[in-house]
C-alpha atoms as a PDB file:
ATOM      1  CA  UNK A   1      47.286  81.460 142.327  1.00  0.00           C
ATOM      2  CA  UNK A   2      47.495  85.114 141.449  1.00  0.00           C
ATOM      3  CA  UNK A   3      50.806  86.206 140.120  1.00  0.00           C
ATOM      4  CA  UNK A   4      52.326  89.460 139.001  1.00  0.00           C
ATOM      5  CA  UNK A   5      54.932  89.477 136.247  1.00  0.00           C
ATOM      6  CA  UNK A   6      57.064  92.032 134.536  1.00  0.00           C
ATOM      7  CA  UNK A   7      56.448  90.516 131.128  1.00  0.00           C
ATOM      8  CA  UNK A   8      58.823  92.577 129.050  1.00  0.00           C
ATOM      9  CA  UNK A   9      62.054  91.666 130.768  1.00  0.00           C
ATOM     10  CA  UNK A  10      64.520  90.772 128.014  1.00  0.00           C
ATOM     11  CA  UNK A  11      68.008  90.070 129.175  1.00  0.00           C
ATOM     12  CA  UNK A  12      69.759  90.907 125.941  1.00  0.00           C
ATOM     13  CA  UNK A  13      67.775  94.140 125.570  1.00  0.00           C
ATOM     14  CA  UNK A  14      68.762  95.153 129.071  1.00  0.00           C
ATOM     15  CA  UNK A  15      72.392  94.482 128.321  1.00  0.00           C
ATOM     16  CA  UNK A  16      72.146  96.403 125.054  1.00  0.00           C
ATOM     17  CA  UNK A  17      71.055  99.487 126.973  1.00  0.00           C
ATOM     18  CA  UNK A  18      74.164  99.451 129.109  1.00  0.00           C
ATOM     19  CA  UNK A  19      76.413 102.335 128.198  1.00  0.00           C
ATOM     20  CA  UNK A  20      79.674 100.589 127.597  1.00  0.00           C
ATOM     21  CA  UNK A  21      82.565 102.847 126.787  1.00  0.00           C
ATOM     22  CA  UNK A  22      85.151 101.768 124.286  1.00  0.00           C
ATOM     23  CA  UNK A  23      88.142 100.279 126.010  1.00  0.00           C
ATOM     24  CA  UNK A  24      91.308  98.658 124.835  1.00  0.00           C
ATOM     25  CA  UNK A  25      91.453  94.958 125.491  1.00  0.00           C
ATOM     26  CA  UNK A  26      94.643  92.959 125.719  1.00  0.00           C
ATOM     27  CA  UNK A  27      95.382  90.496 122.972  1.00  0.00           C
ATOM     28  CA  UNK A  28      93.512  87.269 123.771  1.00  0.00           C
ATOM     29  CA  UNK A  29      95.329  84.022 124.298  1.00  0.00           C
ATOM     30  CA  UNK A  30      95.063  81.401 121.532  1.00  0.00           C
ATOM     31  CA  UNK A  31      91.780  79.492 121.761  1.00  0.00           C
ATOM     32  CA  UNK A  32      93.476  76.101 122.007  1.00  0.00           C
ATOM     33  CA  UNK A  33      95.574  77.301 124.944  1.00  0.00           C
ATOM     34  CA  UNK A  34      92.502  78.628 126.795  1.00  0.00           C
ATOM     35  CA  UNK A  35      90.554  75.419 126.212  1.00  0.00           C
ATOM     36  CA  UNK A  36      93.482  73.321 127.419  1.00  0.00           C
ATOM     37  CA  UNK A  37      93.793  75.315 130.638  1.00  0.00           C
ATOM     38  CA  UNK A  38      90.045  75.210 131.233  1.00  0.00           C
ATOM     39  CA  UNK A  39      89.929  71.424 130.777  1.00  0.00           C
ATOM     40  CA  UNK A  40      92.875  71.033 133.138  1.00  0.00           C
ATOM     41  CA  UNK A  41      91.161  73.086 135.863  1.00  0.00           C
ATOM     42  CA  UNK A  42      87.882  71.188 135.425  1.00  0.00           C
ATOM     43  CA  UNK A  43      89.696  67.849 135.628  1.00  0.00           C
ATOM     44  CA  UNK A  44      91.550  68.937 138.780  1.00  0.00           C
ATOM     45  CA  UNK A  45      88.335  70.127 140.396  1.00  0.00           C
ATOM     46  CA  UNK A  46      86.395  66.910 139.750  1.00  0.00           C
ATOM     47  CA  UNK A  47      89.339  64.808 140.867  1.00  0.00           C
ATOM     48  CA  UNK A  48      89.360  66.760 144.124  1.00  0.00           C
ATOM     49  CA  UNK A  49      85.581  66.518 144.439  1.00  0.00           C
ATOM     50  CA  UNK A  50      85.244  62.768 143.922  1.00  0.00           C
ATOM     51  CA  UNK A  51      88.526  61.614 145.476  1.00  0.00           C
ATOM     52  CA  UNK A  52      88.837  64.048 148.385  1.00  0.00           C
ATOM     53  CA  UNK A  53      85.675  65.998 149.224  1.00  0.00           C
ATOM     54  CA  UNK A  54      83.020  63.321 148.748  1.00  0.00           C
ATOM     55  CA  UNK A  55      84.865  60.630 150.792  1.00  0.00           C
ATOM     56  CA  UNK A  56      85.543  63.244 153.484  1.00  0.00           C
ATOM     57  CA  UNK A  57      81.843  64.156 153.697  1.00  0.00           C
ATOM     58  CA  UNK A  58      80.909  60.468 153.867  1.00  0.00           C
ATOM     59  CA  UNK A  59      83.495  59.854 156.598  1.00  0.00           C
ATOM     60  CA  UNK A  60      82.325  62.791 158.706  1.00  0.00           C
ATOM     61  CA  UNK A  61      78.680  61.750 158.409  1.00  0.00           C
ATOM     62  CA  UNK A  62      79.569  58.154 159.306  1.00  0.00           C
ATOM     63  CA  UNK A  63      81.687  59.100 162.323  1.00  0.00           C
ATOM     64  CA  UNK A  64      79.480  61.944 163.535  1.00  0.00           C
ATOM     65  CA  UNK A  65      75.824  61.383 162.545  1.00  0.00           C
ATOM     66  CA  UNK A  66      74.834  64.699 164.136  1.00  0.00           C
ATOM     67  CA  UNK A  67      76.719  66.424 161.303  1.00  0.00           C
ATOM     68  CA  UNK A  68      74.237  65.103 158.737  1.00  0.00           C
ATOM     69  CA  UNK A  69      72.016  68.126 159.378  1.00  0.00           C
ATOM     70  CA  UNK A  70      74.623  70.883 158.741  1.00  0.00           C
ATOM     71  CA  UNK A  71      76.145  68.996 155.798  1.00  0.00           C
ATOM     72  CA  UNK A  72      72.768  68.613 154.086  1.00  0.00           C
ATOM     73  CA  UNK A  73      71.884  72.210 154.944  1.00  0.00           C
ATOM     74  CA  UNK A  74      75.104  73.604 153.451  1.00  0.00           C
ATOM     75  CA  UNK A  75      74.894  71.515 150.284  1.00  0.00           C
ATOM     76  CA  UNK A  76      71.218  72.342 149.628  1.00  0.00           C
ATOM     77  CA  UNK A  77      71.804  76.001 150.434  1.00  0.00           C
ATOM     78  CA  UNK A  78      74.641  76.239 147.908  1.00  0.00           C
ATOM     79  CA  UNK A  79      72.479  74.631 145.216  1.00  0.00           C
ATOM     80  CA  UNK A  80      70.255  77.722 145.231  1.00  0.00           C
ATOM     81  CA  UNK A  81      72.918  80.183 144.112  1.00  0.00           C
ATOM     82  CA  UNK A  82      73.821  80.885 140.532  1.00  0.00           C
ATOM     83  CA  UNK A  83      77.475  80.084 139.925  1.00  0.00           C
ATOM     84  CA  UNK A  84      77.932  77.858 142.961  1.00  0.00           C
ATOM     85  CA  UNK A  85      75.351  75.351 141.769  1.00  0.00           C
ATOM     86  CA  UNK A  86      77.165  74.998 138.429  1.00  0.00           C
ATOM     87  CA  UNK A  87      80.464  74.246 140.173  1.00  0.00           C
ATOM     88  CA  UNK A  88      79.514  72.077 143.157  1.00  0.00           C
ATOM     89  CA  UNK A  89      77.547  68.899 142.244  1.00  0.00           C
ATOM     90  CA  UNK A  90      75.406  69.124 145.360  1.00  0.00           C
ATOM     91  CA  UNK A  91      72.988  66.417 144.268  1.00  0.00           C
ATOM     92  CA  UNK A  92      75.887  63.936 144.166  1.00  0.00           C
ATOM     93  CA  UNK A  93      76.857  64.788 147.737  1.00  0.00           C
ATOM     94  CA  UNK A  94      73.263  64.342 148.914  1.00  0.00           C
ATOM     95  CA  UNK A  95      73.016  60.960 147.156  1.00  0.00           C
ATOM     96  CA  UNK A  96      76.233  59.875 148.876  1.00  0.00           C
ATOM     97  CA  UNK A  97      74.949  61.203 152.188  1.00  0.00           C
ATOM     98  CA  UNK A  98      71.775  59.156 151.761  1.00  0.00           C
ATOM     99  CA  UNK A  99      73.820  56.019 151.135  1.00  0.00           C
ATOM    100  CA  UNK A 100      75.951  56.702 154.237  1.00  0.00           C
ATOM    101  CA  UNK A 101      72.798  57.168 156.298  1.00  0.00           C
ATOM    102  CA  UNK A 102      71.488  53.819 155.070  1.00  0.00           C
ATOM    103  CA  UNK A 103      74.762  51.982 155.699  1.00  0.00           C
ATOM    104  CA  UNK A 104      75.076  53.416 159.204  1.00  0.00           C
ATOM    105  CA  UNK A 105      71.423  52.843 160.113  1.00  0.00           C
ATOM    106  CA  UNK A 106      71.154  56.560 160.881  1.00  0.00           C
ATOM    107  CA  UNK A 107      67.814  58.362 160.859  1.00  0.00           C
ATOM    108  CA  UNK A 108      67.259  60.211 157.588  1.00  0.00           C
ATOM    109  CA  UNK A 109      65.170  62.919 159.270  1.00  0.00           C
ATOM    110  CA  UNK A 110      68.036  65.254 160.362  1.00  0.00           C
ATOM    111  CA  UNK A 111      69.608  65.249 156.892  1.00  0.00           C
ATOM    112  CA  UNK A 112      66.195  65.654 155.249  1.00  0.00           C
ATOM    113  CA  UNK A 113      65.342  68.589 157.537  1.00  0.00           C
ATOM    114  CA  UNK A 114      68.710  70.207 156.837  1.00  0.00           C
ATOM    115  CA  UNK A 115      68.268  69.849 153.072  1.00  0.00           C
ATOM    116  CA  UNK A 116      64.724  71.262 153.204  1.00  0.00           C
ATOM    117  CA  UNK A 117      65.669  74.283 155.316  1.00  0.00           C
ATOM    118  CA  UNK A 118      68.832  74.965 153.310  1.00  0.00           C
ATOM    119  CA  UNK A 119      67.079  74.821 149.945  1.00  0.00           C
ATOM    120  CA  UNK A 120      64.098  76.921 151.092  1.00  0.00           C
ATOM    121  CA  UNK A 121      66.351  79.576 152.608  1.00  0.00           C
ATOM    122  CA  UNK A 122      68.713  79.641 149.617  1.00  0.00           C
ATOM    123  CA  UNK A 123      65.899  80.071 147.092  1.00  0.00           C
ATOM    124  CA  UNK A 124      64.293  82.720 149.298  1.00  0.00           C
ATOM    125  CA  UNK A 125      67.528  84.747 149.280  1.00  0.00           C
ATOM    126  CA  UNK A 126      67.880  84.347 145.496  1.00  0.00           C
ATOM    127  CA  UNK A 127      64.279  85.516 145.086  1.00  0.00           C
ATOM    128  CA  UNK A 128      64.949  88.519 147.332  1.00  0.00           C
ATOM    129  CA  UNK A 129      68.053  89.475 145.335  1.00  0.00           C
ATOM    130  CA  UNK A 130      66.124  89.347 142.061  1.00  0.00           C
ATOM    131  CA  UNK A 131      63.126  91.203 143.512  1.00  0.00           C
ATOM    132  CA  UNK A 132      65.160  94.075 144.951  1.00  0.00           C
ATOM    133  CA  UNK A 133      67.812  94.512 142.265  1.00  0.00           C
ATOM    134  CA  UNK A 134      66.012  93.427 139.077  1.00  0.00           C
ATOM    135  CA  UNK A 135      68.213  93.753 135.972  1.00  0.00           C
ATOM    136  CA  UNK A 136      70.919  95.572 137.940  1.00  0.00           C
ATOM    137  CA  UNK A 137      72.277  92.193 139.017  1.00  0.00           C
ATOM    138  CA  UNK A 138      73.394  91.644 135.421  1.00  0.00           C
ATOM    139  CA  UNK A 139      76.066  94.264 136.030  1.00  0.00           C
ATOM    140  CA  UNK A 140      77.405  92.450 139.090  1.00  0.00           C
ATOM    141  CA  UNK A 141      79.725  89.462 139.389  1.00  0.00           C
ATOM    142  CA  UNK A 142      78.956  86.555 139.297  1.00  0.00           C
ATOM    143  CA  UNK A 143      75.551  87.102 137.680  1.00  0.00           C
ATOM    144  CA  UNK A 144      76.966  88.827 134.608  1.00  0.00           C
ATOM    145  CA  UNK A 145      78.849  85.631 133.770  1.00  0.00           C
ATOM    146  CA  UNK A 146      75.592  83.661 133.404  1.00  0.00           C
ATOM    147  CA  UNK A 147      73.557  85.791 131.011  1.00  0.00           C
ATOM    148  CA  UNK A 148      72.459  82.816 128.891  1.00  0.00           C
ATOM    149  CA  UNK A 149      71.357  80.756 131.906  1.00  0.00           C
ATOM    150  CA  UNK A 150      69.383  83.687 133.318  1.00  0.00           C
ATOM    151  CA  UNK A 151      67.675  84.266 129.977  1.00  0.00           C
ATOM    152  CA  UNK A 152      66.712  80.575 129.676  1.00  0.00           C
ATOM    153  CA  UNK A 153      65.386  80.647 133.239  1.00  0.00           C
ATOM    154  CA  UNK A 154      63.348  83.725 132.394  1.00  0.00           C
ATOM    155  CA  UNK A 155      61.730  82.021 129.393  1.00  0.00           C
ATOM    156  CA  UNK A 156      61.035  78.909 131.483  1.00  0.00           C
ATOM    157  CA  UNK A 157      59.429  81.029 134.207  1.00  0.00           C
ATOM    158  CA  UNK A 158      57.251  83.013 131.800  1.00  0.00           C
ATOM    159  CA  UNK A 159      56.072  79.748 130.247  1.00  0.00           C
ATOM    160  CA  UNK A 160      55.099  77.917 133.451  1.00  0.00           C
ATOM    161  CA  UNK A 161      54.546  80.747 135.942  1.00  0.00           C
ATOM    162  CA  UNK A 162      54.476  79.696 139.578  1.00  0.00           C
ATOM    163  CA  UNK A 163      54.802  76.045 138.576  1.00  0.00           C
ATOM    164  CA  UNK A 164      58.294  76.870 137.305  1.00  0.00           C
ATOM    165  CA  UNK A 165      59.385  77.281 140.938  1.00  0.00           C
ATOM    166  CA  UNK A 166      58.280  73.722 141.716  1.00  0.00           C
ATOM    167  CA  UNK A 167      59.477  72.124 138.471  1.00  0.00           C
ATOM    168  CA  UNK A 168      62.771  74.010 138.371  1.00  0.00           C
ATOM    169  CA  UNK A 169      63.847  72.429 141.659  1.00  0.00           C
ATOM    170  CA  UNK A 170      64.139  69.062 139.883  1.00  0.00           C
ATOM    171  CA  UNK A 171      65.832  70.407 136.745  1.00  0.00           C
ATOM    172  CA  UNK A 172      69.505  71.147 137.319  1.00  0.00           C
ATOM    173  CA  UNK A 173      69.908  74.026 134.827  1.00  0.00           C
ATOM    174  CA  UNK A 174      66.930  75.891 136.330  1.00  0.00           C
ATOM    175  CA  UNK A 175      67.384  75.139 140.038  1.00  0.00           C
ATOM    176  CA  UNK A 176      69.404  78.287 140.733  1.00  0.00           C
ATOM    177  CA  UNK A 177      68.073  80.596 138.020  1.00  0.00           C
ATOM    178  CA  UNK A 178      64.285  80.285 138.435  1.00  0.00           C
ATOM    179  CA  UNK A 179      64.063  81.775 141.978  1.00  0.00           C
ATOM    180  CA  UNK A 180      66.254  84.657 140.814  1.00  0.00           C
ATOM    181  CA  UNK A 181      64.182  85.469 137.717  1.00  0.00           C
ATOM    182  CA  UNK A 182      60.954  84.986 139.695  1.00  0.00           C
ATOM    183  CA  UNK A 183      62.114  87.838 141.905  1.00  0.00           C
ATOM    184  CA  UNK A 184      63.200  89.888 138.885  1.00  0.00           C
ATOM    185  CA  UNK A 185      59.708  89.367 137.413  1.00  0.00           C
ATOM    186  CA  UNK A 186      58.073  90.442 140.713  1.00  0.00           C
ATOM    187  CA  UNK A 187      56.186  87.242 141.441  1.00  0.00           C
ATOM    188  CA  UNK A 188      54.161  87.700 144.615  1.00  0.00           C
ATOM    189  CA  UNK A 189      55.826  86.397 147.753  1.00  0.00           C
ATOM    190  CA  UNK A 190      53.353  83.795 149.049  1.00  0.00           C
ATOM    191  CA  UNK A 191      52.835  81.910 145.753  1.00  0.00           C
ATOM    192  CA  UNK A 192      56.616  81.750 145.470  1.00  0.00           C
ATOM    193  CA  UNK A 193      57.111  80.577 149.044  1.00  0.00           C
ATOM    194  CA  UNK A 194      54.432  77.886 148.831  1.00  0.00           C
ATOM    195  CA  UNK A 195      55.974  76.436 145.655  1.00  0.00           C
ATOM    196  CA  UNK A 196      59.457  76.855 147.128  1.00  0.00           C
ATOM    197  CA  UNK A 197      58.656  74.954 150.334  1.00  0.00           C
ATOM    198  CA  UNK A 198      56.598  72.195 148.694  1.00  0.00           C
ATOM    199  CA  UNK A 199      59.277  71.468 146.096  1.00  0.00           C
ATOM    200  CA  UNK A 200      62.070  71.514 148.719  1.00  0.00           C
ATOM    201  CA  UNK A 201      60.259  68.942 150.880  1.00  0.00           C
ATOM    202  CA  UNK A 202      59.856  66.536 147.963  1.00  0.00           C
ATOM    203  CA  UNK A 203      63.286  67.215 146.420  1.00  0.00           C
ATOM    204  CA  UNK A 204      65.153  66.495 149.665  1.00  0.00           C
ATOM    205  CA  UNK A 205      63.176  63.288 150.197  1.00  0.00           C
ATOM    206  CA  UNK A 206      63.822  62.051 146.640  1.00  0.00           C
ATOM    207  CA  UNK A 207      67.572  62.623 146.958  1.00  0.00           C
ATOM    208  CA  UNK A 208      68.082  61.148 150.423  1.00  0.00           C
ATOM    209  CA  UNK A 209      65.438  58.536 151.215  1.00  0.00           C
ATOM    210  CA  UNK A 210      65.699  56.078 148.265  1.00  0.00           C
ATOM    211  CA  UNK A 211      69.479  55.734 148.581  1.00  0.00           C
ATOM    212  CA  UNK A 212      69.255  55.324 152.338  1.00  0.00           C
ATOM    213  CA  UNK A 213      66.523  52.690 152.056  1.00  0.00           C
ATOM    214  CA  UNK A 214      68.330  50.748 149.292  1.00  0.00           C
ATOM    215  CA  UNK A 215      71.671  50.620 151.109  1.00  0.00           C
ATOM    216  CA  UNK A 216      70.006  49.757 154.420  1.00  0.00           C
ATOM    217  CA  UNK A 217      68.206  46.885 152.682  1.00  0.00           C
ATOM    218  CA  UNK A 218      71.408  45.416 151.196  1.00  0.00           C
ATOM    219  CA  UNK A 219      73.417  45.889 154.380  1.00  0.00           C
ATOM    220  CA  UNK A 220      70.796  44.236 156.587  1.00  0.00           C
END
């Protein structure tokens, strides 16, 4: 498939060109103190995620099967955005949702459709942001906080081209960055959308169907 790249996009070079004026910074906190606070916040978040959020999602899906579609849509949609995907373990929620579907003998199709549509739409928006704003997004929160991830995604994309869209869907570190850098590199729309849709269909099936089938088999 024909593709069009901006080959000379270098994240660090772009940042080096930014005219940063000299400013006075407050005295930083001791490193040990910062690390301790960061670990505490991470621990609190994962405790909330696994002990509160995940059981709540499972309970809602079990009590109201019709909610499988919007839950899967929201989780898959969030996985496409840089920053959110590093915070919310969406794949874990989808695995749990698949198990709930299997235990409740619920059809997997609504959740699968929701995950496909959410992931396709999320990656499409990320692609659009990169295509229209290029390196300017590096000046904007939250993108400026993920310079290293964006640079790695850019190298991955330049190595594999359009295939990076498909492969990146199954590789956590690249799931949110590859659509963004594909837009920044001006990949043509239809090659992107074909790879985006095909990978979303398979990704959603792999996350939901095996767990649902395994749990349904043991429950039966």
